[in-house]
């Protein structure tokens, strides 16, 4: 099966680690493209390419401030990813709760055996 284009949805867009780094930086507040270039240590054309993909799926917005382009995060398109991961989070939480019970039982057995040898 062919891989979907990175511009089709947020899942594909955030599959690329550099784009996730950009989103992390923008989660702290809006930034001009030159700040992103400096913080990421990447060439400006590469950062612009990633920003274009993020813009196409609606994850970032851009506005002109004088001669600068300032980018900001739009978290709404991340909601489907959050919803999808949440189901797994609930499953893992249940598993960890069961593991806690097993560990408590093992610890109490170990404590009772340790007191027998005293």
N, C-alpha and C. Protein backbone atom coordinates (compact mmCIF):
# COMPACT_ATOMS: atom_id res chain seq x y z
N UNK A 1 0.84 -1.18 0.00
CA UNK A 1 0.00 0.00 0.00
C UNK A 1 0.89 1.24 0.00
N UNK A 2 0.57 2.21 -0.82
CA UNK A 2 1.36 3.43 -0.92
C UNK A 2 1.17 4.28 0.33
N UNK A 3 2.23 4.94 0.73
CA UNK A 3 2.17 5.83 1.89
C UNK A 3 1.43 7.11 1.53
N UNK A 4 0.60 7.57 2.44
CA UNK A 4 -0.15 8.80 2.19
C UNK A 4 0.79 10.00 2.16
N UNK A 5 0.44 10.99 1.41
CA UNK A 5 1.24 12.20 1.35
C UNK A 5 1.25 12.87 2.72
N UNK A 6 2.36 13.53 3.03
CA UNK A 6 2.49 14.16 4.34
C UNK A 6 1.52 15.31 4.53
N UNK A 7 0.92 15.75 3.46
CA UNK A 7 0.00 16.89 3.56
C UNK A 7 -1.45 16.47 3.73
N UNK A 8 -1.72 15.17 3.87
CA UNK A 8 -3.11 14.75 3.95
C UNK A 8 -3.71 14.89 5.34
N UNK A 9 -2.91 14.68 6.37
CA UNK A 9 -3.45 14.81 7.72
C UNK A 9 -2.34 15.00 8.73
N UNK A 10 -2.74 15.31 9.95
CA UNK A 10 -1.77 15.57 11.01
C UNK A 10 -0.93 14.34 11.34
N UNK A 11 -1.51 13.14 11.27
CA UNK A 11 -0.76 11.92 11.56
C UNK A 11 0.48 11.83 10.68
N UNK A 12 0.29 12.02 9.39
CA UNK A 12 1.42 11.94 8.47
C UNK A 12 2.39 13.11 8.66
N UNK A 13 1.85 14.27 8.91
CA UNK A 13 2.71 15.45 9.06
C UNK A 13 3.62 15.32 10.27
N UNK A 14 3.12 14.81 11.38
CA UNK A 14 3.94 14.72 12.60
C UNK A 14 4.79 13.45 12.63
N UNK A 15 4.68 12.62 11.62
CA UNK A 15 5.52 11.42 11.57
C UNK A 15 6.99 11.79 11.38
N UNK A 16 7.27 12.96 10.88
CA UNK A 16 8.65 13.39 10.65
C UNK A 16 9.19 14.08 11.90
N UNK A 17 10.31 13.60 12.45
CA UNK A 17 10.84 14.14 13.72
C UNK A 17 11.13 15.64 13.70
N UNK A 18 11.62 16.16 12.59
CA UNK A 18 11.91 17.61 12.54
C UNK A 18 10.64 18.43 12.67
N UNK A 19 9.56 17.96 12.09
CA UNK A 19 8.30 18.69 12.21
C UNK A 19 7.79 18.65 13.65
N UNK A 20 8.01 17.53 14.33
CA UNK A 20 7.63 17.47 15.75
C UNK A 20 8.47 18.45 16.56
N UNK A 21 9.74 18.60 16.22
CA UNK A 21 10.58 19.58 16.91
C UNK A 21 10.04 20.99 16.70
N UNK A 22 9.64 21.30 15.50
CA UNK A 22 9.07 22.61 15.21
C UNK A 22 7.81 22.83 16.04
N UNK A 23 6.95 21.83 16.10
CA UNK A 23 5.73 21.95 16.91
C UNK A 23 6.06 22.15 18.38
N UNK A 24 7.08 21.44 18.87
CA UNK A 24 7.50 21.61 20.27
C UNK A 24 7.93 23.05 20.53
N UNK A 25 8.71 23.60 19.62
CA UNK A 25 9.16 24.99 19.79
C UNK A 25 7.98 25.96 19.74
N UNK A 26 7.06 25.73 18.83
CA UNK A 26 5.91 26.63 18.71
C UNK A 26 4.92 26.45 19.84
N UNK A 27 4.97 25.32 20.53
CA UNK A 27 4.07 25.13 21.67
C UNK A 27 4.39 26.10 22.81
N UNK A 28 5.58 26.66 22.78
CA UNK A 28 6.01 27.62 23.81
C UNK A 28 5.69 29.05 23.43
N UNK A 29 5.17 29.23 22.21
CA UNK A 29 4.82 30.57 21.75
C UNK A 29 5.23 30.78 20.31
N UNK A 30 4.67 31.81 19.70
CA UNK A 30 4.96 32.06 18.30
C UNK A 30 6.41 32.49 18.12
N UNK A 31 6.93 32.17 16.94
CA UNK A 31 8.34 32.47 16.64
C UNK A 31 8.50 32.84 15.16
N UNK A 32 9.41 33.77 14.90
CA UNK A 32 9.76 34.05 13.51
C UNK A 32 10.54 32.87 12.93
N UNK A 33 10.48 32.71 11.64
CA UNK A 33 11.14 31.60 10.97
C UNK A 33 12.64 31.60 11.27
N UNK A 34 13.27 32.77 11.35
CA UNK A 34 14.71 32.82 11.62
C UNK A 34 15.05 32.26 13.00
N UNK A 35 14.18 32.44 13.98
CA UNK A 35 14.40 31.84 15.30
C UNK A 35 14.35 30.32 15.20
N UNK A 36 13.39 29.82 14.44
CA UNK A 36 13.27 28.37 14.27
C UNK A 36 14.52 27.80 13.60
N UNK A 37 15.01 28.49 12.59
CA UNK A 37 16.22 28.07 11.89
C UNK A 37 17.39 27.99 12.87
N UNK A 38 17.55 29.04 13.69
CA UNK A 38 18.66 29.07 14.64
C UNK A 38 18.52 27.99 15.71
N UNK A 39 17.33 27.80 16.23
CA UNK A 39 17.13 26.82 17.30
C UNK A 39 17.27 25.39 16.81
N UNK A 40 16.86 25.14 15.58
CA UNK A 40 16.94 23.79 15.03
C UNK A 40 18.30 23.49 14.42
N UNK A 41 19.05 24.52 14.06
CA UNK A 41 20.34 24.32 13.42
C UNK A 41 20.23 23.71 12.04
N UNK A 42 19.14 24.04 11.37
CA UNK A 42 18.89 23.52 10.02
C UNK A 42 18.92 24.66 9.02
N UNK A 43 19.18 24.35 7.75
CA UNK A 43 19.12 25.40 6.73
C UNK A 43 17.70 25.96 6.60
N UNK A 44 17.61 27.24 6.31
CA UNK A 44 16.32 27.91 6.22
C UNK A 44 15.39 27.25 5.20
N UNK A 45 15.88 26.84 4.01
CA UNK A 45 14.95 26.20 3.06
C UNK A 45 14.33 24.92 3.61
N UNK A 46 15.08 24.15 4.39
CA UNK A 46 14.55 22.92 4.96
C UNK A 46 13.48 23.22 6.01
N UNK A 47 13.74 24.23 6.85
CA UNK A 47 12.74 24.63 7.85
C UNK A 47 11.48 25.12 7.16
N UNK A 48 11.65 25.91 6.11
CA UNK A 48 10.49 26.43 5.37
C UNK A 48 9.69 25.29 4.74
N UNK A 49 10.38 24.27 4.26
CA UNK A 49 9.69 23.12 3.67
C UNK A 49 8.82 22.42 4.73
N UNK A 50 9.39 22.21 5.92
CA UNK A 50 8.63 21.57 7.00
C UNK A 50 7.46 22.46 7.44
N UNK A 51 7.69 23.75 7.52
CA UNK A 51 6.61 24.68 7.90
C UNK A 51 5.48 24.66 6.87
N UNK A 52 5.84 24.53 5.61
CA UNK A 52 4.82 24.47 4.56
C UNK A 52 3.92 23.25 4.75
N UNK A 53 4.52 22.10 5.06
CA UNK A 53 3.73 20.89 5.30
C UNK A 53 2.83 21.10 6.51
N UNK A 54 3.38 21.64 7.58
CA UNK A 54 2.59 21.86 8.80
C UNK A 54 1.45 22.86 8.54
N UNK A 55 1.72 23.85 7.71
CA UNK A 55 0.68 24.83 7.36
C UNK A 55 -0.42 24.18 6.54
N UNK A 56 -0.05 23.30 5.61
CA UNK A 56 -1.04 22.67 4.73
C UNK A 56 -2.02 21.79 5.50
N UNK A 57 -1.59 21.21 6.61
CA UNK A 57 -2.52 20.38 7.40
C UNK A 57 -3.15 21.19 8.53
N UNK A 58 -2.82 22.48 8.60
CA UNK A 58 -3.44 23.36 9.58
C UNK A 58 -2.81 23.35 10.96
N UNK A 59 -1.62 22.73 11.11
CA UNK A 59 -0.98 22.68 12.43
C UNK A 59 -0.29 23.97 12.82
N UNK A 60 0.07 24.78 11.85
CA UNK A 60 0.67 26.08 12.15
C UNK A 60 -0.02 27.15 11.32
N UNK A 61 0.01 28.33 11.89
CA UNK A 61 -0.50 29.51 11.19
C UNK A 61 0.67 30.48 11.03
N UNK A 62 0.60 31.31 10.04
CA UNK A 62 1.66 32.27 9.79
C UNK A 62 1.05 33.65 9.62
N UNK A 63 1.78 34.64 10.10
CA UNK A 63 1.35 36.03 9.88
C UNK A 63 2.60 36.86 9.62
N UNK A 64 2.42 37.89 8.84
CA UNK A 64 3.53 38.78 8.54
C UNK A 64 3.58 39.88 9.58
N UNK A 65 4.77 40.10 10.12
CA UNK A 65 5.01 41.20 11.04
C UNK A 65 6.18 41.98 10.44
N UNK A 66 5.85 43.06 9.79
CA UNK A 66 6.88 43.78 9.05
C UNK A 66 7.41 42.88 7.96
N UNK A 67 8.72 42.67 7.98
CA UNK A 67 9.34 41.81 6.96
C UNK A 67 9.51 40.37 7.44
N UNK A 68 9.08 40.09 8.65
CA UNK A 68 9.22 38.74 9.20
C UNK A 68 7.93 37.94 9.05
N UNK A 69 8.11 36.64 8.93
CA UNK A 69 6.97 35.71 8.97
C UNK A 69 7.02 35.05 10.33
N UNK A 70 5.93 35.17 11.08
CA UNK A 70 5.87 34.64 12.43
C UNK A 70 4.89 33.46 12.44
N UNK A 71 5.35 32.36 13.00
CA UNK A 71 4.56 31.12 13.02
C UNK A 71 4.03 30.85 14.41
N UNK A 72 2.84 30.28 14.46
CA UNK A 72 2.24 29.88 15.73
C UNK A 72 1.59 28.52 15.57
N UNK A 73 1.43 27.85 16.69
CA UNK A 73 0.86 26.51 16.71
C UNK A 73 -0.66 26.58 16.71
N UNK A 74 -1.28 25.71 15.95
CA UNK A 74 -2.72 25.51 16.00
C UNK A 74 -2.93 24.06 16.41
N UNK A 75 -3.27 23.82 17.65
CA UNK A 75 -3.35 22.47 18.18
C UNK A 75 -4.59 21.69 17.78
N UNK A 76 -5.58 22.34 17.24
CA UNK A 76 -6.84 21.65 16.91
C UNK A 76 -6.65 20.42 16.02
N UNK A 77 -5.82 20.48 14.96
CA UNK A 77 -5.63 19.27 14.14
C UNK A 77 -4.93 18.12 14.87
N UNK A 78 -4.37 18.38 16.05
CA UNK A 78 -3.74 17.31 16.84
C UNK A 78 -4.77 16.49 17.61
N UNK A 79 -6.00 16.96 17.71
CA UNK A 79 -7.02 16.27 18.50
C UNK A 79 -7.24 14.82 18.05
N UNK A 80 -7.32 14.52 16.75
CA UNK A 80 -7.48 13.11 16.37
C UNK A 80 -6.32 12.23 16.85
N UNK A 81 -5.11 12.79 16.87
CA UNK A 81 -3.96 12.02 17.37
C UNK A 81 -4.12 11.80 18.87
N UNK A 82 -4.51 12.83 19.58
CA UNK A 82 -4.73 12.72 21.03
C UNK A 82 -5.80 11.67 21.33
N UNK A 83 -6.88 11.74 20.60
CA UNK A 83 -7.98 10.78 20.83
C UNK A 83 -7.53 9.35 20.57
N UNK A 84 -6.74 9.15 19.53
CA UNK A 84 -6.26 7.82 19.18
C UNK A 84 -5.31 7.29 20.25
N UNK A 85 -4.39 8.13 20.70
CA UNK A 85 -3.41 7.72 21.73
C UNK A 85 -4.09 7.50 23.07
N UNK A 86 -5.14 8.25 23.34
CA UNK A 86 -5.84 8.15 24.63
C UNK A 86 -6.35 6.73 24.89
N UNK A 87 -6.83 6.06 23.86
CA UNK A 87 -7.31 4.68 24.03
C UNK A 87 -6.17 3.78 24.51
N UNK A 88 -4.99 3.99 23.96
CA UNK A 88 -3.84 3.18 24.38
C UNK A 88 -3.40 3.56 25.79
N UNK A 89 -3.48 4.83 26.11
CA UNK A 89 -3.13 5.30 27.45
C UNK A 89 -4.02 4.63 28.50
N UNK A 90 -5.30 4.55 28.22
CA UNK A 90 -6.23 3.92 29.16
C UNK A 90 -5.90 2.44 29.33
N UNK A 91 -5.56 1.77 28.24
CA UNK A 91 -5.19 0.36 28.29
C UNK A 91 -3.94 0.17 29.13
N UNK A 92 -2.93 0.98 28.89
CA UNK A 92 -1.69 0.87 29.66
C UNK A 92 -1.91 1.21 31.13
N UNK A 93 -2.74 2.17 31.42
CA UNK A 93 -3.02 2.51 32.82
C UNK A 93 -3.64 1.33 33.55
N UNK A 94 -4.57 0.64 32.90
CA UNK A 94 -5.17 -0.55 33.52
C UNK A 94 -4.11 -1.62 33.76
N UNK A 95 -3.23 -1.80 32.79
CA UNK A 95 -2.17 -2.81 32.93
C UNK A 95 -1.21 -2.44 34.06
N UNK A 96 -0.87 -1.19 34.17
CA UNK A 96 0.02 -0.76 35.25
C UNK A 96 -0.65 -0.91 36.60
N UNK A 97 -1.96 -0.65 36.67
CA UNK A 97 -2.69 -0.85 37.93
C UNK A 97 -2.64 -2.31 38.35
N UNK A 98 -2.83 -3.22 37.38
CA UNK A 98 -2.75 -4.66 37.69
C UNK A 98 -1.34 -5.04 38.11
N UNK A 99 -0.34 -4.48 37.47
CA UNK A 99 1.05 -4.76 37.82
C UNK A 99 1.34 -4.27 39.24
N UNK A 100 0.80 -3.13 39.62
CA UNK A 100 0.98 -2.63 40.99
C UNK A 100 0.47 -3.63 42.01
N UNK A 101 -0.69 -4.23 41.73
CA UNK A 101 -1.27 -5.23 42.64
C UNK A 101 -0.34 -6.43 42.75
N UNK A 102 0.16 -6.92 41.63
CA UNK A 102 1.07 -8.07 41.64
C UNK A 102 2.34 -7.73 42.42
N UNK A 103 2.88 -6.56 42.21
CA UNK A 103 4.09 -6.16 42.93
C UNK A 103 3.85 -6.05 44.43
N UNK A 104 2.69 -5.54 44.82
CA UNK A 104 2.36 -5.45 46.25
C UNK A 104 2.26 -6.85 46.87
N UNK A 105 1.65 -7.78 46.16
CA UNK A 105 1.54 -9.16 46.65
C UNK A 105 2.94 -9.76 46.80
N UNK A 106 3.77 -9.61 45.79
CA UNK A 106 5.13 -10.14 45.85
C UNK A 106 5.93 -9.50 46.99
N UNK A 107 5.77 -8.20 47.16
CA UNK A 107 6.48 -7.50 48.23
C UNK A 107 6.03 -7.99 49.59
N UNK A 108 4.72 -8.22 49.77
CA UNK A 108 4.23 -8.69 51.07
C UNK A 108 4.72 -10.12 51.32
N UNK A 109 4.80 -10.97 50.29
CA UNK A 109 5.33 -12.31 50.46
C UNK A 109 6.79 -12.27 50.84
N UNK A 110 7.54 -11.38 50.19
CA UNK A 110 8.96 -11.23 50.50
C UNK A 110 9.14 -10.75 51.92
N UNK A 111 8.31 -9.78 52.34
CA UNK A 111 8.40 -9.26 53.71
C UNK A 111 8.09 -10.34 54.73
N UNK A 112 7.07 -11.17 54.44
CA UNK A 112 6.71 -12.20 55.42
C UNK A 112 7.77 -13.29 55.47
N UNK A 113 8.39 -13.62 54.35
CA UNK A 113 9.47 -14.61 54.36
C UNK A 113 10.70 -14.04 55.05
N UNK A 114 10.95 -12.78 54.90
CA UNK A 114 12.09 -12.14 55.54
C UNK A 114 11.92 -12.12 57.04
N UNK A 115 10.71 -11.96 57.54
CA UNK A 115 10.47 -11.93 58.97
C UNK A 115 10.55 -13.32 59.58
N UNK A 116 10.30 -14.38 58.77
CA UNK A 116 10.42 -15.75 59.27
C UNK A 116 11.87 -16.10 59.58
N UNK A 117 12.80 -15.53 58.86
CA UNK A 117 14.20 -15.88 59.06
C UNK A 117 14.82 -15.11 60.22
N UNK A 118 14.11 -14.19 60.83
CA UNK A 118 14.64 -13.41 61.95
C UNK A 118 14.73 -14.22 63.20
